[in-house]
Structures are given as C-alpha cells and as structure tokens.
Amino acid sequence: MYQNKVYVTDILNKMGHIMERFKLLSRKKSFKKEEIDNIDYHLSEIMKVLNKYN
C-alpha cells in the first residue's frame, strides 16, 4: 500500500510540473494548432482513465 501512495504522489507531482510548464510557455509563445490538439488528446485520455473511478 505504501508503494501505491508514493506512486500517486509522483504522478501528482508530474501533473503539477506539466501545468506550471504549460502556463509559463503559453505566456511566452503561441502553440501551433496541431500541438494544442495533441496536448488536448492526451489530457482527454487521462480524463477517460480517471473517470472510470467515479
């Protein structure tokens, strides 16, 4: 059980870093539509997995 908690914490930390990086970059540059579509696709896939547990 302890390993599971550490693993979840690692994922949450990665998600936090991704959000901060995206915020920073989006203030400094414009992303191409294809890049935004790719990011949106992957976030949608993550949400599908998370929504299985609601």
C-alpha atoms as a PDB file:
ATOM      1  CA  MET A   1       0.000   0.000   0.000  1.00  0.00           C
ATOM      2  CA  TYR A   2       2.840   2.410   0.774  1.00  0.00           C
ATOM      3  CA  GLN A   3       4.298   1.963  -2.733  1.00  0.00           C
ATOM      4  CA  ASN A   4       0.933   2.892  -4.238  1.00  0.00           C
ATOM      5  CA  LYS A   5       0.864   6.146  -2.266  1.00  0.00           C
ATOM      6  CA  VAL A   6       4.373   7.069  -3.402  1.00  0.00           C
ATOM      7  CA  TYR A   7       3.438   6.302  -6.996  1.00  0.00           C
ATOM      8  CA  VAL A   8       0.335   8.510  -6.832  1.00  0.00           C
ATOM      9  CA  THR A   9       2.402  11.309  -5.288  1.00  0.00           C
ATOM     10  CA  ASP A  10       4.898  11.025  -8.162  1.00  0.00           C
ATOM     11  CA  ILE A  11       2.086  11.301 -10.707  1.00  0.00           C
ATOM     12  CA  LEU A  12       0.587  14.318  -8.945  1.00  0.00           C
ATOM     13  CA  ASN A  13       3.998  15.996  -8.888  1.00  0.00           C
ATOM     14  CA  LYS A  14       4.437  15.367 -12.625  1.00  0.00           C
ATOM     15  CA  MET A  15       0.981  16.780 -13.339  1.00  0.00           C
ATOM     16  CA  GLY A  16       1.821  19.881 -11.313  1.00  0.00           C
ATOM     17  CA  HIS A  17       5.069  20.367 -13.217  1.00  0.00           C
ATOM     18  CA  ILE A  18       3.248  19.946 -16.530  1.00  0.00           C
ATOM     19  CA  MET A  19       0.670  22.567 -15.579  1.00  0.00           C
ATOM     20  CA  GLU A  20       3.299  25.072 -14.449  1.00  0.00           C
ATOM     21  CA  ARG A  21       5.387  24.489 -17.589  1.00  0.00           C
ATOM     22  CA  PHE A  22       2.343  24.898 -19.840  1.00  0.00           C
ATOM     23  CA  LYS A  23       1.341  28.133 -18.081  1.00  0.00           C
ATOM     24  CA  LEU A  24       4.848  29.532 -18.425  1.00  0.00           C
ATOM     25  CA  LEU A  25       5.236  28.582 -22.068  1.00  0.00           C
ATOM     26  CA  SER A  26       1.760  29.771 -23.054  1.00  0.00           C
ATOM     27  CA  ARG A  27       2.627  33.263 -21.787  1.00  0.00           C
ATOM     28  CA  LYS A  28       5.793  33.361 -23.879  1.00  0.00           C
ATOM     29  CA  LYS A  29       4.817  31.691 -27.146  1.00  0.00           C
ATOM     30  CA  SER A  30       1.925  30.595 -29.293  1.00  0.00           C
ATOM     31  CA  PHE A  31       1.416  26.907 -29.800  1.00  0.00           C
ATOM     32  CA  LYS A  32       0.536  25.501 -33.207  1.00  0.00           C
ATOM     33  CA  LYS A  33      -2.960  24.085 -33.569  1.00  0.00           C
ATOM     34  CA  GLU A  34      -1.505  20.584 -34.023  1.00  0.00           C
ATOM     35  CA  GLU A  35       0.422  20.910 -30.759  1.00  0.00           C
ATOM     36  CA  ILE A  36      -2.667  22.036 -28.848  1.00  0.00           C
ATOM     37  CA  ASP A  37      -4.686  19.226 -30.422  1.00  0.00           C
ATOM     38  CA  ASN A  38      -2.014  16.726 -29.327  1.00  0.00           C
ATOM     39  CA  ILE A  39      -1.994  18.072 -25.756  1.00  0.00           C
ATOM     40  CA  ASP A  40      -5.802  18.032 -25.664  1.00  0.00           C
ATOM     41  CA  TYR A  41      -5.901  14.446 -26.923  1.00  0.00           C
ATOM     42  CA  HIS A  42      -3.560  13.210 -24.207  1.00  0.00           C
ATOM     43  CA  LEU A  43      -5.395  15.111 -21.483  1.00  0.00           C
ATOM     44  CA  SER A  44      -8.668  13.601 -22.724  1.00  0.00           C
ATOM     45  CA  GLU A  45      -7.145  10.127 -22.493  1.00  0.00           C
ATOM     46  CA  ILE A  46      -6.027  10.816 -18.913  1.00  0.00           C
ATOM     47  CA  MET A  47      -9.536  12.020 -18.048  1.00  0.00           C
ATOM     48  CA  LYS A  48     -11.046   8.831 -19.520  1.00  0.00           C
ATOM     49  CA  VAL A  49      -8.904   6.748 -17.166  1.00  0.00           C
ATOM     50  CA  LEU A  50      -9.724   8.936 -14.152  1.00  0.00           C
ATOM     51  CA  ASN A  51     -13.459   8.986 -14.961  1.00  0.00           C
ATOM     52  CA  LYS A  52     -13.584   5.186 -14.744  1.00  0.00           C
ATOM     53  CA  TYR A  53     -13.344   5.565 -10.955  1.00  0.00           C
ATOM     54  CA  ASN A  54     -16.230   7.983 -10.428  1.00  0.00           C
END
